[in-house]
Amino acid sequence: MASARALRETRLARGRPFSRRHGHAPHRIREGPVSFTPEELERYARHIVLREVGGPGQAKLKAARVLVVGAGGLGAPALMYLAAAGVGTLGVVDDDAVSLSNLQRQVIHDTEAVGVPKVVSAARSLARINPHVAVEGHETRLDAATGAELIGAYDLVLDGSDNFETRYLVNHLCVAAGVPLIAAAMTQWEGQISLYHPAAGAPCYQCVFPEAPAPGLVPTCAEAGIVGALAGIMGSMMAAEAVKHITGAGETLRGALLIHDALYAESRRISVARRPDCPVCG
């Protein structure tokens, strides 16, 4: 009952049908002028006064379509800050339901959402954060058959998935579609993030990580543990990279891998490059 009620609330909040699949036609950034209501101008005022963003940058955010893979530890804060920033359309793909153990770090969900599909819970929270953002929920597991059309419908993908199979698949689909990818990962106290975009000269994920570890070699968060606040740090970094990429502000992590150690409050940035022999983008 909780899931059905949440689904109805999401439909009403967004004024659009909620899809358990990816049933919408692919399209790119919307063309033409973008307008803002007085309420939106006040809402985004702190962005608009930034020299690097301004009105033109905020218009780019409103016109953007961003897909977030995973509404978990990384996807939760990324989605919340992208919605607050005014990204016009946010897609969320996840086939999991909220569990009690998620709540220590997946702050987009609350106790009442336990048992509810994560995409439904996330859409409900995002509607409360910013009613001007359209949320497209995809309650499905990403695969090669459905993923190409889904990813091709967005301008930017953020991968917050928690398994190597999905990470390599998302990378392959993004390279094939020419869509830039911001991918992050974390365990215990450490996280890493980069922007992968071979079409712009940067490496793809598989250039940097040629092979996935053998099954069972890398412990899961359930096995190794993770500090909840690290998800907030890394997810917020993903959102910041997305805002920079969309608006053209500053310098993104394209061609660089940032590693953050929260236990000792240290970060290091490593240059990464495309591999000519990469089987995905070479």
C-alpha atoms as a PDB file:
ATOM      1  CA  MET A   1       0.000   0.000   0.000  1.00  0.00           C
ATOM      2  CA  ALA A   2       2.799   2.420   0.821  1.00  0.00           C
ATOM      3  CA  SER A   3       4.324   1.912  -2.610  1.00  0.00           C
ATOM      4  CA  ALA A   4       1.042   2.490  -4.455  1.00  0.00           C
ATOM      5  CA  ARG A   5       0.288   5.596  -2.424  1.00  0.00           C
ATOM      6  CA  ALA A   6       3.756   6.993  -3.043  1.00  0.00           C
ATOM      7  CA  LEU A   7       3.364   6.286  -6.741  1.00  0.00           C
ATOM      8  CA  ARG A   8       0.091   8.214  -6.877  1.00  0.00           C
ATOM      9  CA  GLU A   9       1.662  11.107  -4.961  1.00  0.00           C
ATOM     10  CA  THR A  10       4.547  11.213  -7.419  1.00  0.00           C
ATOM     11  CA  ARG A  11       2.201  11.316 -10.405  1.00  0.00           C
ATOM     12  CA  LEU A  12       0.241  14.162  -8.878  1.00  0.00           C
ATOM     13  CA  ALA A  13       3.351  16.065  -7.815  1.00  0.00           C
ATOM     14  CA  ARG A  14       4.937  15.907 -11.218  1.00  0.00           C
ATOM     15  CA  GLY A  15       1.824  16.165 -13.372  1.00  0.00           C
ATOM     16  CA  ARG A  16       3.159  13.400 -15.637  1.00  0.00           C
ATOM     17  CA  PRO A  17       2.875   9.615 -15.817  1.00  0.00           C
ATOM     18  CA  PHE A  18       5.404   7.594 -13.862  1.00  0.00           C
ATOM     19  CA  SER A  19       7.084   4.863 -15.888  1.00  0.00           C
ATOM     20  CA  ARG A  20       8.517   1.616 -14.606  1.00  0.00           C
ATOM     21  CA  ARG A  21      10.398   1.411 -17.898  1.00  0.00           C
ATOM     22  CA  HIS A  22      12.049   3.997 -20.077  1.00  0.00           C
ATOM     23  CA  GLY A  23       9.000   4.846 -22.199  1.00  0.00           C
ATOM     24  CA  HIS A  24       9.788   8.311 -23.478  1.00  0.00           C
ATOM     25  CA  ALA A  25      11.220   9.462 -26.772  1.00  0.00           C
ATOM     26  CA  PRO A  26      14.921  10.397 -26.762  1.00  0.00           C
ATOM     27  CA  HIS A  27      15.706  14.062 -27.188  1.00  0.00           C
ATOM     28  CA  ARG A  28      18.556  16.400 -26.438  1.00  0.00           C
ATOM     29  CA  ILE A  29      18.761  19.791 -24.715  1.00  0.00           C
ATOM     30  CA  ARG A  30      15.664  21.785 -25.509  1.00  0.00           C
ATOM     31  CA  GLU A  31      16.098  24.557 -28.024  1.00  0.00           C
ATOM     32  CA  GLY A  32      14.788  28.104 -27.784  1.00  0.00           C
ATOM     33  CA  PRO A  33      14.680  30.673 -24.987  1.00  0.00           C
ATOM     34  CA  VAL A  34      14.257  29.587 -21.375  1.00  0.00           C
ATOM     35  CA  SER A  35      12.113  31.749 -19.125  1.00  0.00           C
ATOM     36  CA  PHE A  36      11.955  31.993 -15.352  1.00  0.00           C
ATOM     37  CA  THR A  37       9.099  32.941 -13.067  1.00  0.00           C
ATOM     38  CA  PRO A  38       9.760  35.528 -10.318  1.00  0.00           C
ATOM     39  CA  GLU A  39       9.717  32.663  -7.803  1.00  0.00           C
ATOM     40  CA  GLU A  40      12.393  30.805  -9.763  1.00  0.00           C
ATOM     41  CA  LEU A  41      14.563  33.916 -10.002  1.00  0.00           C
ATOM     42  CA  GLU A  42      14.438  34.259  -6.231  1.00  0.00           C
ATOM     43  CA  ARG A  43      15.043  30.541  -5.727  1.00  0.00           C
ATOM     44  CA  TYR A  44      18.189  30.565  -7.898  1.00  0.00           C
ATOM     45  CA  ALA A  45      19.407  34.040  -6.916  1.00  0.00           C
ATOM     46  CA  ARG A  46      22.617  32.777  -5.280  1.00  0.00           C
ATOM     47  CA  HIS A  47      23.530  30.966  -8.489  1.00  0.00           C
ATOM     48  CA  ILE A  48      22.664  33.852 -10.757  1.00  0.00           C
ATOM     49  CA  VAL A  49      24.947  36.283  -8.924  1.00  0.00           C
ATOM     50  CA  LEU A  50      27.899  33.956  -9.470  1.00  0.00           C
ATOM     51  CA  ARG A  51      30.048  35.299 -12.290  1.00  0.00           C
ATOM     52  CA  GLU A  52      30.679  31.773 -13.573  1.00  0.00           C
ATOM     53  CA  VAL A  53      26.964  30.919 -13.753  1.00  0.00           C
ATOM     54  CA  GLY A  54      24.762  33.992 -14.103  1.00  0.00           C
ATOM     55  CA  GLY A  55      21.477  34.018 -15.957  1.00  0.00           C
ATOM     56  CA  PRO A  56      22.819  32.194 -19.038  1.00  0.00           C
ATOM     57  CA  GLY A  57      24.245  29.393 -16.895  1.00  0.00           C
ATOM     58  CA  GLN A  58      21.017  29.013 -14.954  1.00  0.00           C
ATOM     59  CA  ALA A  59      19.136  28.792 -18.249  1.00  0.00           C
ATOM     60  CA  LYS A  60      21.476  25.976 -19.326  1.00  0.00           C
ATOM     61  CA  LEU A  61      20.714  24.145 -16.094  1.00  0.00           C
ATOM     62  CA  LYS A  62      16.979  24.486 -16.670  1.00  0.00           C
ATOM     63  CA  ALA A  63      17.319  23.179 -20.229  1.00  0.00           C
ATOM     64  CA  ALA A  64      19.475  20.209 -19.221  1.00  0.00           C
ATOM     65  CA  ARG A  65      18.417  16.581 -18.990  1.00  0.00           C
ATOM     66  CA  VAL A  66      20.525  14.584 -16.516  1.00  0.00           C
ATOM     67  CA  LEU A  67      20.218  10.867 -15.775  1.00  0.00           C
ATOM     68  CA  VAL A  68      21.349   9.509 -12.409  1.00  0.00           C
ATOM     69  CA  VAL A  69      22.006   5.768 -12.266  1.00  0.00           C
ATOM     70  CA  GLY A  70      21.243   4.607  -8.752  1.00  0.00           C
ATOM     71  CA  ALA A  71      19.208   6.396  -6.093  1.00  0.00           C
ATOM     72  CA  GLY A  72      21.475   5.150  -3.320  1.00  0.00           C
ATOM     73  CA  GLY A  73      24.377   6.587  -1.348  1.00  0.00           C
ATOM     74  CA  LEU A  74      25.909   8.578  -4.213  1.00  0.00           C
ATOM     75  CA  GLY A  75      22.770   9.235  -6.211  1.00  0.00           C
ATOM     76  CA  ALA A  76      20.791  10.552  -3.242  1.00  0.00           C
ATOM     77  CA  PRO A  77      22.804  13.735  -2.524  1.00  0.00           C
ATOM     78  CA  ALA A  78      23.589  14.226  -6.208  1.00  0.00           C
ATOM     79  CA  LEU A  79      19.892  14.207  -7.074  1.00  0.00           C
ATOM     80  CA  MET A  80      18.989  16.526  -4.221  1.00  0.00           C
ATOM     81  CA  TYR A  81      21.583  19.154  -5.130  1.00  0.00           C
ATOM     82  CA  LEU A  82      20.842  18.932  -8.849  1.00  0.00           C
ATOM     83  CA  ALA A  83      17.152  19.464  -8.137  1.00  0.00           C
ATOM     84  CA  ALA A  84      17.932  22.383  -5.854  1.00  0.00           C
ATOM     85  CA  ALA A  85      20.229  23.808  -8.543  1.00  0.00           C
ATOM     86  CA  GLY A  86      17.366  23.866 -11.030  1.00  0.00           C
ATOM     87  CA  VAL A  87      18.335  21.147 -13.501  1.00  0.00           C
ATOM     88  CA  GLY A  88      15.187  21.037 -15.606  1.00  0.00           C
ATOM     89  CA  THR A  89      14.801  17.283 -16.055  1.00  0.00           C
ATOM     90  CA  LEU A  90      16.215  14.599 -13.786  1.00  0.00           C
ATOM     91  CA  GLY A  91      16.010  10.929 -14.689  1.00  0.00           C
ATOM     92  CA  VAL A  92      16.448   8.301 -11.978  1.00  0.00           C
ATOM     93  CA  VAL A  93      17.028   4.631 -12.749  1.00  0.00           C
ATOM     94  CA  ASP A  94      17.011   2.035  -9.965  1.00  0.00           C
ATOM     95  CA  ASP A  95      15.234  -1.293  -9.486  1.00  0.00           C
ATOM     96  CA  ASP A  96      15.725  -1.533  -5.722  1.00  0.00           C
ATOM     97  CA  ALA A  97      13.455  -0.700  -2.785  1.00  0.00           C
ATOM     98  CA  VAL A  98      14.395   1.328   0.283  1.00  0.00           C
ATOM     99  CA  SER A  99      15.644  -0.728   3.238  1.00  0.00           C
ATOM    100  CA  LEU A 100      16.284   0.367   6.800  1.00  0.00           C
ATOM    101  CA  SER A 101      20.061  -0.068   6.423  1.00  0.00           C
ATOM    102  CA  ASN A 102      20.026   2.431   3.513  1.00  0.00           C
ATOM    103  CA  LEU A 103      18.969   5.335   5.723  1.00  0.00           C
ATOM    104  CA  GLN A 104      22.403   5.794   7.331  1.00  0.00           C
ATOM    105  CA  ARG A 105      23.674   7.382   4.115  1.00  0.00           C
ATOM    106  CA  GLN A 106      20.898   7.565   1.484  1.00  0.00           C
ATOM    107  CA  VAL A 107      19.442  10.826   2.733  1.00  0.00           C
ATOM    108  CA  ILE A 108      16.879  11.256  -0.042  1.00  0.00           C
ATOM    109  CA  HIS A 109      14.845   8.481   1.632  1.00  0.00           C
ATOM    110  CA  ASP A 110      13.231   8.467   5.080  1.00  0.00           C
ATOM    111  CA  THR A 111      11.835   5.900   7.495  1.00  0.00           C
ATOM    112  CA  GLU A 112       8.365   6.053   5.969  1.00  0.00           C
ATOM    113  CA  ALA A 113       9.859   5.093   2.590  1.00  0.00           C
ATOM    114  CA  VAL A 114      11.149   1.701   3.764  1.00  0.00           C
ATOM    115  CA  GLY A 115       9.805  -0.877   1.329  1.00  0.00           C
ATOM    116  CA  VAL A 116       8.987   1.743  -1.317  1.00  0.00           C
ATOM    117  CA  PRO A 117      10.799   1.611  -4.694  1.00  0.00           C
ATOM    118  CA  LYS A 118      13.752   3.975  -4.551  1.00  0.00           C
ATOM    119  CA  VAL A 119      12.753   5.807  -7.714  1.00  0.00           C
ATOM    120  CA  VAL A 120       9.334   6.541  -6.199  1.00  0.00           C
ATOM    121  CA  SER A 121      10.801   7.694  -2.888  1.00  0.00           C
ATOM    122  CA  ALA A 122      13.403   9.828  -4.675  1.00  0.00           C
ATOM    123  CA  ALA A 123      10.842  11.451  -6.973  1.00  0.00           C
ATOM    124  CA  ARG A 124       8.648  12.282  -3.995  1.00  0.00           C
ATOM    125  CA  SER A 125      11.553  13.945  -2.169  1.00  0.00           C
ATOM    126  CA  LEU A 126      12.713  15.862  -5.243  1.00  0.00           C
ATOM    127  CA  ALA A 127       9.214  17.232  -5.813  1.00  0.00           C
ATOM    128  CA  ARG A 128       9.314  18.656  -2.296  1.00  0.00           C
ATOM    129  CA  ILE A 129      12.760  20.172  -2.845  1.00  0.00           C
ATOM    130  CA  ASN A 130      11.929  21.869  -6.145  1.00  0.00           C
ATOM    131  CA  PRO A 131       8.517  21.662  -7.851  1.00  0.00           C
ATOM    132  CA  HIS A 132       9.985  23.258 -10.998  1.00  0.00           C
ATOM    133  CA  VAL A 133      12.045  20.149 -11.796  1.00  0.00           C
ATOM    134  CA  ALA A 134      10.575  17.327 -13.885  1.00  0.00           C
ATOM    135  CA  VAL A 135      11.477  13.886 -12.540  1.00  0.00           C
ATOM    136  CA  GLU A 136      11.473  10.838 -14.797  1.00  0.00           C
ATOM    137  CA  GLY A 137      11.552   7.607 -12.809  1.00  0.00           C
ATOM    138  CA  HIS A 138      12.769   4.372 -14.381  1.00  0.00           C
ATOM    139  CA  GLU A 139      12.117   1.469 -12.033  1.00  0.00           C
ATOM    140  CA  THR A 140      14.176  -1.045 -13.943  1.00  0.00           C
ATOM    141  CA  ARG A 141      17.602  -2.616 -13.931  1.00  0.00           C
ATOM    142  CA  LEU A 142      19.775  -1.053 -16.593  1.00  0.00           C
ATOM    143  CA  ASP A 143      20.800  -3.511 -19.288  1.00  0.00           C
ATOM    144  CA  ALA A 144      22.252  -3.374 -22.785  1.00  0.00           C
ATOM    145  CA  ALA A 145      18.852  -3.828 -24.432  1.00  0.00           C
ATOM    146  CA  THR A 146      17.101  -0.897 -22.746  1.00  0.00           C
ATOM    147  CA  GLY A 147      20.091   1.194 -21.746  1.00  0.00           C
ATOM    148  CA  ALA A 148      21.058   2.572 -25.155  1.00  0.00           C
ATOM    149  CA  GLU A 149      17.723   4.294 -25.739  1.00  0.00           C
ATOM    150  CA  LEU A 150      17.489   5.449 -22.142  1.00  0.00           C
ATOM    151  CA  ILE A 151      20.950   7.026 -21.994  1.00  0.00           C
ATOM    152  CA  GLY A 152      20.513   8.530 -25.446  1.00  0.00           C
ATOM    153  CA  ALA A 153      17.598  10.549 -24.068  1.00  0.00           C
ATOM    154  CA  TYR A 154      19.854  12.559 -21.728  1.00  0.00           C
ATOM    155  CA  ASP A 155      22.658  15.107 -22.050  1.00  0.00           C
ATOM    156  CA  LEU A 156      24.721  13.905 -19.081  1.00  0.00           C
ATOM    157  CA  VAL A 157      24.850  10.727 -16.989  1.00  0.00           C
ATOM    158  CA  LEU A 158      25.884  10.400 -13.350  1.00  0.00           C
ATOM    159  CA  ASP A 159      26.733   6.845 -12.324  1.00  0.00           C
ATOM    160  CA  GLY A 160      26.330   6.129  -8.639  1.00  0.00           C
ATOM    161  CA  SER A 161      25.857   2.377  -9.014  1.00  0.00           C
ATOM    162  CA  ASP A 162      27.359  -0.011  -6.494  1.00  0.00           C
ATOM    163  CA  ASN A 163      28.572  -2.860  -8.710  1.00  0.00           C
ATOM    164  CA  PHE A 164      31.216  -3.223 -11.399  1.00  0.00           C
ATOM    165  CA  GLU A 165      28.913  -4.849 -13.939  1.00  0.00           C
ATOM    166  CA  THR A 166      26.707  -1.755 -14.061  1.00  0.00           C
ATOM    167  CA  ARG A 167      29.657   0.649 -14.062  1.00  0.00           C
ATOM    168  CA  TYR A 168      31.238  -0.960 -17.117  1.00  0.00           C
ATOM    169  CA  LEU A 169      27.870  -1.200 -18.860  1.00  0.00           C
ATOM    170  CA  VAL A 170      27.050   2.472 -18.221  1.00  0.00           C
ATOM    171  CA  ASN A 171      30.470   3.470 -19.537  1.00  0.00           C
ATOM    172  CA  HIS A 172      30.001   1.418 -22.701  1.00  0.00           C
ATOM    173  CA  LEU A 173      26.544   2.896 -23.324  1.00  0.00           C
ATOM    174  CA  CYS A 174      27.717   6.461 -22.706  1.00  0.00           C
ATOM    175  CA  VAL A 175      30.657   6.097 -25.096  1.00  0.00           C
ATOM    176  CA  ALA A 176      28.385   4.634 -27.777  1.00  0.00           C
ATOM    177  CA  ALA A 177      25.894   7.491 -27.350  1.00  0.00           C
ATOM    178  CA  GLY A 178      28.553  10.211 -27.062  1.00  0.00           C
ATOM    179  CA  VAL A 179      27.131  11.243 -23.691  1.00  0.00           C
ATOM    180  CA  PRO A 180      29.553  12.475 -20.988  1.00  0.00           C
ATOM    181  CA  LEU A 181      29.697  10.413 -17.805  1.00  0.00           C
ATOM    182  CA  ILE A 182      30.438  11.483 -14.246  1.00  0.00           C
ATOM    183  CA  ALA A 183      31.202   8.349 -12.240  1.00  0.00           C
ATOM    184  CA  ALA A 184      32.049   8.014  -8.568  1.00  0.00           C
ATOM    185  CA  ALA A 185      32.640   5.143  -6.182  1.00  0.00           C
ATOM    186  CA  MET A 186      33.322   4.809  -2.471  1.00  0.00           C
ATOM    187  CA  THR A 187      34.092   2.371   0.305  1.00  0.00           C
ATOM    188  CA  GLN A 188      34.730   2.761   4.032  1.00  0.00           C
ATOM    189  CA  TRP A 189      36.327   6.262   4.228  1.00  0.00           C
ATOM    190  CA  GLU A 190      37.540   6.743   0.654  1.00  0.00           C
ATOM    191  CA  GLY A 191      35.879   7.858  -2.558  1.00  0.00           C
ATOM    192  CA  GLN A 192      36.895   8.650  -6.125  1.00  0.00           C
ATOM    193  CA  ILE A 193      35.332  10.624  -8.958  1.00  0.00           C
ATOM    194  CA  SER A 194      36.043  11.649 -12.547  1.00  0.00           C
ATOM    195  CA  LEU A 195      34.321  12.962 -15.672  1.00  0.00           C
ATOM    196  CA  TYR A 196      34.713  10.544 -18.582  1.00  0.00           C
ATOM    197  CA  HIS A 197      34.124  11.928 -22.084  1.00  0.00           C
ATOM    198  CA  PRO A 198      36.127  10.405 -24.970  1.00  0.00           C
ATOM    199  CA  ALA A 199      34.254  12.561 -27.510  1.00  0.00           C
ATOM    200  CA  ALA A 200      35.974  15.568 -25.918  1.00  0.00           C
ATOM    201  CA  GLY A 201      39.398  13.921 -25.674  1.00  0.00           C
ATOM    202  CA  ALA A 202      39.086  12.546 -22.146  1.00  0.00           C
ATOM    203  CA  PRO A 203      39.408   8.863 -21.282  1.00  0.00           C
ATOM    204  CA  CYS A 204      36.462   6.582 -20.703  1.00  0.00           C
ATOM    205  CA  TYR A 205      36.016   4.614 -17.490  1.00  0.00           C
ATOM    206  CA  GLN A 206      37.595   1.496 -18.985  1.00  0.00           C
ATOM    207  CA  CYS A 207      40.689   3.442 -20.047  1.00  0.00           C
ATOM    208  CA  VAL A 208      41.347   4.123 -16.370  1.00  0.00           C
ATOM    209  CA  PHE A 209      40.085   0.791 -15.032  1.00  0.00           C
ATOM    210  CA  PRO A 210      40.761  -1.740 -17.829  1.00  0.00           C
ATOM    211  CA  GLU A 211      39.413  -4.767 -15.976  1.00  0.00           C
ATOM    212  CA  ALA A 212      36.892  -5.309 -13.226  1.00  0.00           C
ATOM    213  CA  PRO A 213      38.201  -7.034 -10.091  1.00  0.00           C
ATOM    214  CA  ALA A 214      37.479 -10.733  -9.809  1.00  0.00           C
ATOM    215  CA  PRO A 215      34.122 -11.512  -8.176  1.00  0.00           C
ATOM    216  CA  GLY A 216      34.383 -11.391  -4.403  1.00  0.00           C
ATOM    217  CA  LEU A 217      37.750  -9.624  -4.407  1.00  0.00           C
ATOM    218  CA  VAL A 218      36.349  -6.197  -3.504  1.00  0.00           C
ATOM    219  CA  PRO A 219      34.046  -6.243  -0.451  1.00  0.00           C
ATOM    220  CA  THR A 220      30.641  -4.597  -0.647  1.00  0.00           C
ATOM    221  CA  CYS A 221      29.576  -1.739   1.621  1.00  0.00           C
ATOM    222  CA  ALA A 222      27.647  -4.279   3.680  1.00  0.00           C
ATOM    223  CA  GLU A 223      30.853  -6.264   4.185  1.00  0.00           C
ATOM    224  CA  ALA A 224      33.408  -3.461   4.557  1.00  0.00           C
ATOM    225  CA  GLY A 225      31.220  -0.703   5.978  1.00  0.00           C
ATOM    226  CA  ILE A 226      31.039   2.935   4.954  1.00  0.00           C
ATOM    227  CA  VAL A 227      30.806   6.227   6.815  1.00  0.00           C
ATOM    228  CA  GLY A 228      27.515   7.859   5.884  1.00  0.00           C
ATOM    229  CA  ALA A 229      28.887  11.368   5.463  1.00  0.00           C
ATOM    230  CA  LEU A 230      31.272  10.170   2.731  1.00  0.00           C
ATOM    231  CA  ALA A 231      28.259   9.557   0.506  1.00  0.00           C
ATOM    232  CA  GLY A 232      27.274  13.186   1.013  1.00  0.00           C
ATOM    233  CA  ILE A 233      30.766  14.391   0.120  1.00  0.00           C
ATOM    234  CA  MET A 234      31.120  12.314  -3.038  1.00  0.00           C
ATOM    235  CA  GLY A 235      27.530  12.770  -4.181  1.00  0.00           C
ATOM    236  CA  SER A 236      27.874  16.526  -3.753  1.00  0.00           C
ATOM    237  CA  MET A 237      31.080  16.425  -5.790  1.00  0.00           C
ATOM    238  CA  MET A 238      29.150  14.672  -8.549  1.00  0.00           C
ATOM    239  CA  ALA A 239      26.517  17.408  -8.495  1.00  0.00           C
ATOM    240  CA  ALA A 240      29.177  20.142  -8.543  1.00  0.00           C
ATOM    241  CA  GLU A 241      30.904  18.526 -11.530  1.00  0.00           C
ATOM    242  CA  ALA A 242      27.560  18.320 -13.309  1.00  0.00           C
ATOM    243  CA  VAL A 243      26.822  22.001 -12.683  1.00  0.00           C
ATOM    244  CA  LYS A 244      30.273  22.972 -13.983  1.00  0.00           C
ATOM    245  CA  HIS A 245      29.941  20.782 -17.051  1.00  0.00           C
ATOM    246  CA  ILE A 246      26.494  22.128 -17.927  1.00  0.00           C
ATOM    247  CA  THR A 247      27.270  25.810 -17.325  1.00  0.00           C
ATOM    248  CA  GLY A 248      30.882  25.796 -18.538  1.00  0.00           C
ATOM    249  CA  ALA A 249      32.086  27.146 -15.200  1.00  0.00           C
ATOM    250  CA  GLY A 250      35.626  26.552 -13.982  1.00  0.00           C
ATOM    251  CA  GLU A 251      37.517  23.343 -14.679  1.00  0.00           C
ATOM    252  CA  THR A 252      35.923  19.925 -14.487  1.00  0.00           C
ATOM    253  CA  LEU A 253      37.548  16.595 -13.661  1.00  0.00           C
ATOM    254  CA  ARG A 254      37.727  15.677 -17.333  1.00  0.00           C
ATOM    255  CA  GLY A 255      41.092  13.938 -17.694  1.00  0.00           C
ATOM    256  CA  ALA A 256      41.621  13.724 -13.943  1.00  0.00           C
ATOM    257  CA  LEU A 257      40.718  11.294 -11.175  1.00  0.00           C
ATOM    258  CA  LEU A 258      40.115  12.816  -7.752  1.00  0.00           C
ATOM    259  CA  ILE A 259      40.563  10.541  -4.735  1.00  0.00           C
ATOM    260  CA  HIS A 260      39.247  11.727  -1.371  1.00  0.00           C
ATOM    261  CA  ASP A 261      40.262  10.195   1.968  1.00  0.00           C
ATOM    262  CA  ALA A 262      37.733  11.358   4.545  1.00  0.00           C
ATOM    263  CA  LEU A 263      39.498   9.612   7.429  1.00  0.00           C
ATOM    264  CA  TYR A 264      42.540  11.895   7.128  1.00  0.00           C
ATOM    265  CA  ALA A 265      40.845  14.807   5.312  1.00  0.00           C
ATOM    266  CA  GLU A 266      43.122  14.457   2.279  1.00  0.00           C
ATOM    267  CA  SER A 267      42.414  14.675  -1.444  1.00  0.00           C
ATOM    268  CA  ARG A 268      44.704  13.991  -4.357  1.00  0.00           C
ATOM    269  CA  ARG A 269      44.200  14.532  -8.067  1.00  0.00           C
ATOM    270  CA  ILE A 270      45.720  12.171 -10.634  1.00  0.00           C
ATOM    271  CA  SER A 271      45.958  12.880 -14.354  1.00  0.00           C
ATOM    272  CA  VAL A 272      44.415  10.149 -16.519  1.00  0.00           C
ATOM    273  CA  ALA A 273      44.500   9.741 -20.297  1.00  0.00           C
ATOM    274  CA  ARG A 274      42.847   7.776 -23.063  1.00  0.00           C
ATOM    275  CA  ARG A 275      44.320   4.416 -23.974  1.00  0.00           C
ATOM    276  CA  PRO A 276      44.729   3.815 -27.726  1.00  0.00           C
ATOM    277  CA  ASP A 277      44.090   0.111 -27.139  1.00  0.00           C
ATOM    278  CA  CYS A 278      40.925   0.643 -25.082  1.00  0.00           C
ATOM    279  CA  PRO A 279      38.290  -1.812 -26.375  1.00  0.00           C
ATOM    280  CA  VAL A 280      35.507   0.701 -25.695  1.00  0.00           C
ATOM    281  CA  CYS A 281      36.754   4.087 -26.931  1.00  0.00           C
ATOM    282  CA  GLY A 282      40.145   3.383 -28.533  1.00  0.00           C
END
